[in-house]
Amino acid sequence: MNHLPLFLYYFAHDFNSKLLSSGSNKVDDAIELYHRAANMFKMAKKWQEAGTAFCSAGNLHAQAGSRHDAATNYVDASNCYKKVCESSI
């Protein structure tokens, strides 16, 4: 199994926890890492993990005031979660 998406997700999560007093450039970097991890999870068909990464990116977009980007990430997350439900049936 390729551990790169998991690494990116946890790196982004750790990076995000250190952002409380940082500039928006670092927030953008964390969003990009979450996005990359989410897309890699999607390619590996790890739908739950992809949804979680997209939600994390959406939360950061929302905190930054970018509602459209946040909504787009939440839709991507919901599509991933939908696949989790479909695969469990």
PDB file of N, CA and C in Angstrom:
ATOM      1  N   MET A   1       0.836  -1.182   0.000  1.00  0.00           N
ATOM      2  CA  MET A   1       0.000   0.000   0.000  1.00  0.00           C
ATOM      3  C   MET A   1       0.881   1.246   0.000  1.00  0.00           C
ATOM      4  N   ASN A   2       0.446   2.235  -0.754  1.00  0.00           N
ATOM      5  CA  ASN A   2       1.157   3.503  -0.823  1.00  0.00           C
ATOM      6  C   ASN A   2       0.778   4.361   0.381  1.00  0.00           C
ATOM      7  N   HIS A   3       1.732   4.731   1.189  1.00  0.00           N
ATOM      8  CA  HIS A   3       1.465   5.502   2.398  1.00  0.00           C
ATOM      9  C   HIS A   3       1.580   7.000   2.179  1.00  0.00           C
ATOM     10  N   LEU A   4       1.851   7.432   0.950  1.00  0.00           N
ATOM     11  CA  LEU A   4       2.019   8.854   0.672  1.00  0.00           C
ATOM     12  C   LEU A   4       0.771   9.673   0.997  1.00  0.00           C
ATOM     13  N   PRO A   5      -0.456   9.245   0.613  1.00  0.00           N
ATOM     14  CA  PRO A   5      -1.611  10.067   0.959  1.00  0.00           C
ATOM     15  C   PRO A   5      -1.803  10.205   2.464  1.00  0.00           C
ATOM     16  N   LEU A   6      -1.567   9.141   3.199  1.00  0.00           N
ATOM     17  CA  LEU A   6      -1.689   9.203   4.652  1.00  0.00           C
ATOM     18  C   LEU A   6      -0.650  10.143   5.232  1.00  0.00           C
ATOM     19  N   PHE A   7       0.560  10.068   4.716  1.00  0.00           N
ATOM     20  CA  PHE A   7       1.618  10.972   5.153  1.00  0.00           C
ATOM     21  C   PHE A   7       1.230  12.422   4.878  1.00  0.00           C
ATOM     22  N   LEU A   8       0.732  12.701   3.660  1.00  0.00           N
ATOM     23  CA  LEU A   8       0.339  14.069   3.313  1.00  0.00           C
ATOM     24  C   LEU A   8      -0.770  14.572   4.215  1.00  0.00           C
ATOM     25  N   TYR A   9      -1.746  13.698   4.501  1.00  0.00           N
ATOM     26  CA  TYR A   9      -2.852  14.112   5.358  1.00  0.00           C
ATOM     27  C   TYR A   9      -2.348  14.483   6.754  1.00  0.00           C
ATOM     28  N   TYR A  10      -1.547  13.620   7.356  1.00  0.00           N
ATOM     29  CA  TYR A  10      -1.063  13.914   8.703  1.00  0.00           C
ATOM     30  C   TYR A  10      -0.083  15.070   8.724  1.00  0.00           C
ATOM     31  N   PHE A  11       0.695  15.227   7.656  1.00  0.00           N
ATOM     32  CA  PHE A  11       1.589  16.381   7.560  1.00  0.00           C
ATOM     33  C   PHE A  11       0.770  17.659   7.483  1.00  0.00           C
ATOM     34  N   ALA A  12      -0.285  17.646   6.672  1.00  0.00           N
ATOM     35  CA  ALA A  12      -1.158  18.818   6.564  1.00  0.00           C
ATOM     36  C   ALA A  12      -1.843  19.098   7.894  1.00  0.00           C
ATOM     37  N   HIS A  13      -2.285  18.043   8.571  1.00  0.00           N
ATOM     38  CA  HIS A  13      -2.957  18.216   9.863  1.00  0.00           C
ATOM     39  C   HIS A  13      -2.004  18.826  10.893  1.00  0.00           C
ATOM     40  N   ASP A  14      -0.780  18.334  10.943  1.00  0.00           N
ATOM     41  CA  ASP A  14       0.217  18.875  11.863  1.00  0.00           C
ATOM     42  C   ASP A  14       0.575  20.308  11.471  1.00  0.00           C
ATOM     43  N   PHE A  15       0.721  20.534  10.181  1.00  0.00           N
ATOM     44  CA  PHE A  15       1.035  21.861   9.655  1.00  0.00           C
ATOM     45  C   PHE A  15      -0.091  22.828  10.012  1.00  0.00           C
ATOM     46  N   ASN A  16      -1.337  22.376   9.862  1.00  0.00           N
ATOM     47  CA  ASN A  16      -2.504  23.193  10.151  1.00  0.00           C
ATOM     48  C   ASN A  16      -2.558  23.557  11.631  1.00  0.00           C
ATOM     49  N   SER A  17      -2.180  22.663  12.516  1.00  0.00           N
ATOM     50  CA  SER A  17      -2.239  22.941  13.952  1.00  0.00           C
ATOM     51  C   SER A  17      -1.246  24.018  14.370  1.00  0.00           C
ATOM     52  N   LYS A  18      -0.248  24.265  13.539  1.00  0.00           N
ATOM     53  CA  LYS A  18       0.750  25.300  13.836  1.00  0.00           C
ATOM     54  C   LYS A  18       0.435  26.628  13.164  1.00  0.00           C
ATOM     55  N   LEU A  19      -0.708  26.734  12.500  1.00  0.00           N
ATOM     56  CA  LEU A  19      -1.030  27.907  11.689  1.00  0.00           C
ATOM     57  C   LEU A  19      -1.790  29.006  12.422  1.00  0.00           C
ATOM     58  N   LEU A  20      -2.114  28.807  13.648  1.00  0.00           N
ATOM     59  CA  LEU A  20      -3.020  29.726  14.320  1.00  0.00           C
ATOM     60  C   LEU A  20      -2.599  31.185  14.218  1.00  0.00           C
ATOM     61  N   SER A  21      -1.317  31.457  14.226  1.00  0.00           N
ATOM     62  CA  SER A  21      -0.870  32.845  14.155  1.00  0.00           C
ATOM     63  C   SER A  21      -0.092  33.137  12.880  1.00  0.00           C
ATOM     64  N   SER A  22      -0.184  32.254  11.889  1.00  0.00           N
ATOM     65  CA  SER A  22       0.590  32.421  10.662  1.00  0.00           C
ATOM     66  C   SER A  22      -0.218  33.138   9.596  1.00  0.00           C
ATOM     67  N   GLY A  23       0.449  33.508   8.521  1.00  0.00           N
ATOM     68  CA  GLY A  23      -0.183  34.205   7.421  1.00  0.00           C
ATOM     69  C   GLY A  23      -0.984  33.279   6.530  1.00  0.00           C
ATOM     70  N   SER A  24      -1.700  33.891   5.579  1.00  0.00           N
ATOM     71  CA  SER A  24      -2.582  33.129   4.707  1.00  0.00           C
ATOM     72  C   SER A  24      -1.810  32.234   3.746  1.00  0.00           C
ATOM     73  N   ASN A  25      -0.553  32.572   3.465  1.00  0.00           N
ATOM     74  CA  ASN A  25       0.244  31.757   2.557  1.00  0.00           C
ATOM     75  C   ASN A  25       0.411  30.339   3.102  1.00  0.00           C
ATOM     76  N   LYS A  26       0.610  30.216   4.391  1.00  0.00           N
ATOM     77  CA  LYS A  26       0.765  28.893   5.000  1.00  0.00           C
ATOM     78  C   LYS A  26      -0.573  28.156   5.048  1.00  0.00           C
ATOM     79  N   VAL A  27      -1.659  28.892   5.204  1.00  0.00           N
ATOM     80  CA  VAL A  27      -2.980  28.271   5.150  1.00  0.00           C
ATOM     81  C   VAL A  27      -3.204  27.684   3.764  1.00  0.00           C
ATOM     82  N   ASP A  28      -2.827  28.433   2.739  1.00  0.00           N
ATOM     83  CA  ASP A  28      -2.940  27.929   1.370  1.00  0.00           C
ATOM     84  C   ASP A  28      -2.104  26.671   1.172  1.00  0.00           C
ATOM     85  N   ASP A  29      -0.937  26.642   1.774  1.00  0.00           N
ATOM     86  CA  ASP A  29      -0.080  25.452   1.686  1.00  0.00           C
ATOM     87  C   ASP A  29      -0.749  24.244   2.343  1.00  0.00           C
ATOM     88  N   ALA A  30      -1.361  24.456   3.497  1.00  0.00           N
ATOM     89  CA  ALA A  30      -2.042  23.359   4.191  1.00  0.00           C
ATOM     90  C   ALA A  30      -3.240  22.877   3.379  1.00  0.00           C
ATOM     91  N   ILE A  31      -3.981  23.814   2.784  1.00  0.00           N
ATOM     92  CA  ILE A  31      -5.124  23.434   1.947  1.00  0.00           C
ATOM     93  C   ILE A  31      -4.647  22.583   0.778  1.00  0.00           C
ATOM     94  N   GLU A  32      -3.565  22.998   0.157  1.00  0.00           N
ATOM     95  CA  GLU A  32      -3.025  22.245  -0.975  1.00  0.00           C
ATOM     96  C   GLU A  32      -2.605  20.837  -0.559  1.00  0.00           C
ATOM     97  N   LEU A  33      -2.002  20.701   0.617  1.00  0.00           N
ATOM     98  CA  LEU A  33      -1.605  19.373   1.098  1.00  0.00           C
ATOM     99  C   LEU A  33      -2.825  18.487   1.354  1.00  0.00           C
ATOM    100  N   TYR A  34      -3.868  19.056   1.974  1.00  0.00           N
ATOM    101  CA  TYR A  34      -5.096  18.287   2.192  1.00  0.00           C
ATOM    102  C   TYR A  34      -5.692  17.849   0.859  1.00  0.00           C
ATOM    103  N   HIS A  35      -5.676  18.755  -0.106  1.00  0.00           N
ATOM    104  CA  HIS A  35      -6.229  18.460  -1.415  1.00  0.00           C
ATOM    105  C   HIS A  35      -5.461  17.331  -2.109  1.00  0.00           C
ATOM    106  N   ARG A  36      -4.150  17.406  -2.056  1.00  0.00           N
ATOM    107  CA  ARG A  36      -3.329  16.358  -2.669  1.00  0.00           C
ATOM    108  C   ARG A  36      -3.581  15.007  -1.997  1.00  0.00           C
ATOM    109  N   ALA A  37      -3.647  15.028  -0.668  1.00  0.00           N
ATOM    110  CA  ALA A  37      -3.915  13.780   0.059  1.00  0.00           C
ATOM    111  C   ALA A  37      -5.283  13.230  -0.319  1.00  0.00           C
ATOM    112  N   ALA A  38      -6.287  14.105  -0.393  1.00  0.00           N
ATOM    113  CA  ALA A  38      -7.639  13.661  -0.733  1.00  0.00           C
ATOM    114  C   ALA A  38      -7.675  13.016  -2.111  1.00  0.00           C
ATOM    115  N   ASN A  39      -7.024  13.637  -3.072  1.00  0.00           N
ATOM    116  CA  ASN A  39      -7.028  13.076  -4.423  1.00  0.00           C
ATOM    117  C   ASN A  39      -6.271  11.753  -4.490  1.00  0.00           C
ATOM    118  N   MET A  40      -5.213  11.628  -3.710  1.00  0.00           N
ATOM    119  CA  MET A  40      -4.494  10.351  -3.682  1.00  0.00           C
ATOM    120  C   MET A  40      -5.330   9.267  -3.005  1.00  0.00           C
ATOM    121  N   PHE A  41      -6.050   9.636  -1.951  1.00  0.00           N
ATOM    122  CA  PHE A  41      -6.954   8.679  -1.318  1.00  0.00           C
ATOM    123  C   PHE A  41      -8.033   8.248  -2.311  1.00  0.00           C
ATOM    124  N   LYS A  42      -8.540   9.189  -3.105  1.00  0.00           N
ATOM    125  CA  LYS A  42      -9.547   8.839  -4.108  1.00  0.00           C
ATOM    126  C   LYS A  42      -8.995   7.847  -5.115  1.00  0.00           C
ATOM    127  N   MET A  43      -7.781   8.068  -5.580  1.00  0.00           N
ATOM    128  CA  MET A  43      -7.182   7.146  -6.547  1.00  0.00           C
ATOM    129  C   MET A  43      -7.018   5.752  -5.955  1.00  0.00           C
ATOM    130  N   ALA A  44      -6.779   5.697  -4.638  1.00  0.00           N
ATOM    131  CA  ALA A  44      -6.631   4.408  -3.957  1.00  0.00           C
ATOM    132  C   ALA A  44      -7.977   3.839  -3.503  1.00  0.00           C
ATOM    133  N   LYS A  45      -9.066   4.555  -3.834  1.00  0.00           N
ATOM    134  CA  LYS A  45     -10.422   4.161  -3.439  1.00  0.00           C
ATOM    135  C   LYS A  45     -10.581   4.050  -1.922  1.00  0.00           C
ATOM    136  N   LYS A  46      -9.893   4.919  -1.213  1.00  0.00           N
ATOM    137  CA  LYS A  46     -10.045   5.046   0.240  1.00  0.00           C
ATOM    138  C   LYS A  46     -11.006   6.209   0.479  1.00  0.00           C
ATOM    139  N   TRP A  47     -12.301   5.923   0.300  1.00  0.00           N
ATOM    140  CA  TRP A  47     -13.305   6.983   0.252  1.00  0.00           C
ATOM    141  C   TRP A  47     -13.471   7.710   1.574  1.00  0.00           C
ATOM    142  N   GLN A  48     -13.453   7.006   2.681  1.00  0.00           N
ATOM    143  CA  GLN A  48     -13.601   7.647   3.996  1.00  0.00           C
ATOM    144  C   GLN A  48     -12.474   8.646   4.236  1.00  0.00           C
ATOM    145  N   GLU A  49     -11.249   8.228   3.967  1.00  0.00           N
ATOM    146  CA  GLU A  49     -10.094   9.088   4.185  1.00  0.00           C
ATOM    147  C   GLU A  49     -10.104  10.284   3.231  1.00  0.00           C
ATOM    148  N   ALA A  50     -10.522  10.046   1.993  1.00  0.00           N
ATOM    149  CA  ALA A  50     -10.615  11.145   1.025  1.00  0.00           C
ATOM    150  C   ALA A  50     -11.637  12.175   1.487  1.00  0.00           C
ATOM    151  N   GLY A  51     -12.778  11.697   1.964  1.00  0.00           N
ATOM    152  CA  GLY A  51     -13.804  12.615   2.467  1.00  0.00           C
ATOM    153  C   GLY A  51     -13.317  13.440   3.640  1.00  0.00           C
ATOM    154  N   THR A  52     -12.592  12.816   4.532  1.00  0.00           N
ATOM    155  CA  THR A  52     -12.055  13.531   5.697  1.00  0.00           C
ATOM    156  C   THR A  52     -11.057  14.606   5.266  1.00  0.00           C
ATOM    157  N   ALA A  53     -10.206  14.282   4.303  1.00  0.00           N
ATOM    158  CA  ALA A  53      -9.227  15.257   3.820  1.00  0.00           C
ATOM    159  C   ALA A  53      -9.916  16.415   3.108  1.00  0.00           C
ATOM    160  N   PHE A  54     -10.943  16.115   2.295  1.00  0.00           N
ATOM    161  CA  PHE A  54     -11.680  17.197   1.637  1.00  0.00           C
ATOM    162  C   PHE A  54     -12.391  18.081   2.665  1.00  0.00           C
ATOM    163  N   CYS A  55     -12.938  17.474   3.718  1.00  0.00           N
ATOM    164  CA  CYS A  55     -13.582  18.267   4.781  1.00  0.00           C
ATOM    165  C   CYS A  55     -12.576  19.187   5.466  1.00  0.00           C
ATOM    166  N   SER A  56     -11.393  18.684   5.717  1.00  0.00           N
ATOM    167  CA  SER A  56     -10.359  19.498   6.354  1.00  0.00           C
ATOM    168  C   SER A  56      -9.981  20.678   5.468  1.00  0.00           C
ATOM    169  N   ALA A  57      -9.855  20.434   4.170  1.00  0.00           N
ATOM    170  CA  ALA A  57      -9.561  21.532   3.242  1.00  0.00           C
ATOM    171  C   ALA A  57     -10.721  22.525   3.225  1.00  0.00           C
ATOM    172  N   GLY A  58     -11.935  22.023   3.238  1.00  0.00           N
ATOM    173  CA  GLY A  58     -13.107  22.900   3.260  1.00  0.00           C
ATOM    174  C   GLY A  58     -13.177  23.746   4.516  1.00  0.00           C
ATOM    175  N   ASN A  59     -12.840  23.146   5.646  1.00  0.00           N
ATOM    176  CA  ASN A  59     -12.843  23.906   6.905  1.00  0.00           C
ATOM    177  C   ASN A  59     -11.838  25.055   6.859  1.00  0.00           C
ATOM    178  N   LEU A  60     -10.670  24.802   6.303  1.00  0.00           N
ATOM    179  CA  LEU A  60      -9.675  25.873   6.194  1.00  0.00           C
ATOM    180  C   LEU A  60     -10.126  26.957   5.228  1.00  0.00           C
ATOM    181  N   HIS A  61     -10.751  26.565   4.123  1.00  0.00           N
ATOM    182  CA  HIS A  61     -11.287  27.569   3.193  1.00  0.00           C
ATOM    183  C   HIS A  61     -12.336  28.423   3.893  1.00  0.00           C
ATOM    184  N   ALA A  62     -13.202  27.777   4.676  1.00  0.00           N
ATOM    185  CA  ALA A  62     -14.255  28.505   5.381  1.00  0.00           C
ATOM    186  C   ALA A  62     -13.660  29.485   6.389  1.00  0.00           C
ATOM    187  N   GLN A  63     -12.645  29.051   7.123  1.00  0.00           N
ATOM    188  CA  GLN A  63     -11.990  29.941   8.086  1.00  0.00           C
ATOM    189  C   GLN A  63     -11.323  31.121   7.399  1.00  0.00           C
ATOM    190  N   ALA A  64     -10.847  30.900   6.168  1.00  0.00           N
ATOM    191  CA  ALA A  64     -10.183  31.966   5.416  1.00  0.00           C
ATOM    192  C   ALA A  64     -11.194  32.877   4.725  1.00  0.00           C
ATOM    193  N   GLY A  65     -12.479  32.536   4.793  1.00  0.00           N
ATOM    194  CA  GLY A  65     -13.512  33.378   4.201  1.00  0.00           C
ATOM    195  C   GLY A  65     -13.833  33.060   2.756  1.00  0.00           C
ATOM    196  N   SER A  66     -13.319  31.959   2.249  1.00  0.00           N
ATOM    197  CA  SER A  66     -13.557  31.566   0.865  1.00  0.00           C
ATOM    198  C   SER A  66     -14.699  30.557   0.829  1.00  0.00           C
ATOM    199  N   ARG A  67     -15.911  31.065   0.865  1.00  0.00           N
ATOM    200  CA  ARG A  67     -17.077  30.191   0.986  1.00  0.00           C
ATOM    201  C   ARG A  67     -17.286  29.297  -0.223  1.00  0.00           C
ATOM    202  N   HIS A  68     -17.016  29.820  -1.410  1.00  0.00           N
ATOM    203  CA  HIS A  68     -17.208  29.008  -2.617  1.00  0.00           C
ATOM    204  C   HIS A  68     -16.256  27.816  -2.629  1.00  0.00           C
ATOM    205  N   ASP A  69     -14.987  28.063  -2.333  1.00  0.00           N
ATOM    206  CA  ASP A  69     -14.014  26.963  -2.288  1.00  0.00           C
ATOM    207  C   ASP A  69     -14.350  25.974  -1.184  1.00  0.00           C
ATOM    208  N   ALA A  70     -14.829  26.486  -0.054  1.00  0.00           N
ATOM    209  CA  ALA A  70     -15.229  25.595   1.038  1.00  0.00           C
ATOM    210  C   ALA A  70     -16.373  24.695   0.584  1.00  0.00           C
ATOM    211  N   ALA A  71     -17.365  25.294  -0.075  1.00  0.00           N
ATOM    212  CA  ALA A  71     -18.511  24.513  -0.539  1.00  0.00           C
ATOM    213  C   ALA A  71     -18.091  23.458  -1.550  1.00  0.00           C
ATOM    214  N   THR A  72     -17.184  23.815  -2.444  1.00  0.00           N
ATOM    215  CA  THR A  72     -16.698  22.853  -3.433  1.00  0.00           C
ATOM    216  C   THR A  72     -16.036  21.659  -2.752  1.00  0.00           C
ATOM    217  N   ASN A  73     -15.239  21.928  -1.726  1.00  0.00           N
ATOM    218  CA  ASN A  73     -14.586  20.835  -1.002  1.00  0.00           C
ATOM    219  C   ASN A  73     -15.586  19.988  -0.234  1.00  0.00           C
ATOM    220  N   TYR A  74     -16.622  20.617   0.320  1.00  0.00           N
ATOM    221  CA  TYR A  74     -17.643  19.857   1.035  1.00  0.00           C
ATOM    222  C   TYR A  74     -18.433  18.961   0.080  1.00  0.00           C
ATOM    223  N   VAL A  75     -18.679  19.436  -1.140  1.00  0.00           N
ATOM    224  CA  VAL A  75     -19.354  18.600  -2.140  1.00  0.00           C
ATOM    225  C   VAL A  75     -18.472  17.411  -2.506  1.00  0.00           C
ATOM    226  N   ASP A  76     -17.175  17.674  -2.695  1.00  0.00           N
ATOM    227  CA  ASP A  76     -16.249  16.567  -2.986  1.00  0.00           C
ATOM    228  C   ASP A  76     -16.250  15.552  -1.842  1.00  0.00           C
ATOM    229  N   ALA A  77     -16.261  16.051  -0.610  1.00  0.00           N
ATOM    230  CA  ALA A  77     -16.293  15.158   0.554  1.00  0.00           C
ATOM    231  C   ALA A  77     -17.577  14.334   0.566  1.00  0.00           C
ATOM    232  N   SER A  78     -18.700  14.988   0.270  1.00  0.00           N
ATOM    233  CA  SER A  78     -19.973  14.257   0.304  1.00  0.00           C
ATOM    234  C   SER A  78     -20.016  13.174  -0.768  1.00  0.00           C
ATOM    235  N   ASN A  79     -19.417  13.445  -1.923  1.00  0.00           N
ATOM    236  CA  ASN A  79     -19.362  12.408  -2.969  1.00  0.00           C
ATOM    237  C   ASN A  79     -18.523  11.219  -2.519  1.00  0.00           C
ATOM    238  N   CYS A  80     -17.446  11.487  -1.797  1.00  0.00           N
ATOM    239  CA  CYS A  80     -16.625  10.391  -1.266  1.00  0.00           C
ATOM    240  C   CYS A  80     -17.392   9.603  -0.213  1.00  0.00           C
ATOM    241  N   TYR A  81     -18.075  10.309   0.699  1.00  0.00           N
ATOM    242  CA  TYR A  81     -18.837   9.620   1.740  1.00  0.00           C
ATOM    243  C   TYR A  81     -19.983   8.804   1.137  1.00  0.00           C
ATOM    244  N   LYS A  82     -20.542   9.305   0.041  1.00  0.00           N
ATOM    245  CA  LYS A  82     -21.600   8.571  -0.640  1.00  0.00           C
ATOM    246  C   LYS A  82     -21.076   7.221  -1.132  1.00  0.00           C
ATOM    247  N   LYS A  83     -19.845   7.208  -1.613  1.00  0.00           N
ATOM    248  CA  LYS A  83     -19.245   5.961  -2.087  1.00  0.00           C
ATOM    249  C   LYS A  83     -18.961   5.003  -0.939  1.00  0.00           C
ATOM    250  N   VAL A  84     -18.692   5.548   0.253  1.00  0.00           N
ATOM    251  CA  VAL A  84     -18.519   4.691   1.433  1.00  0.00           C
ATOM    252  C   VAL A  84     -19.816   3.967   1.713  1.00  0.00           C
ATOM    253  N   CYS A  85     -20.915   4.705   1.671  1.00  0.00           N
ATOM    254  CA  CYS A  85     -22.224   4.104   1.941  1.00  0.00           C
ATOM    255  C   CYS A  85     -22.605   3.079   0.867  1.00  0.00           C
ATOM    256  N   GLU A  86     -22.309   3.401  -0.397  1.00  0.00           N
ATOM    257  CA  GLU A  86     -22.635   2.482  -1.484  1.00  0.00           C
ATOM    258  C   GLU A  86     -21.827   1.185  -1.397  1.00  0.00           C
ATOM    259  N   SER A  87     -20.579   1.304  -0.979  1.00  0.00           N
ATOM    260  CA  SER A  87     -19.741   0.103  -0.927  1.00  0.00           C
ATOM    261  C   SER A  87     -20.076  -0.786   0.263  1.00  0.00           C
ATOM    262  N   SER A  88     -20.764  -0.243   1.256  1.00  0.00           N
ATOM    263  CA  SER A  88     -21.111  -1.065   2.424  1.00  0.00           C
ATOM    264  C   SER A  88     -22.425  -1.799   2.249  1.00  0.00           C
ATOM    265  N   ILE A  89     -23.133  -1.490   1.182  1.00  0.00           N
ATOM    266  CA  ILE A  89     -24.440  -2.143   0.952  1.00  0.00           C
ATOM    267  C   ILE A  89     -24.247  -3.476   0.281  1.00  0.00           C
TER     268      ILE A  89
END
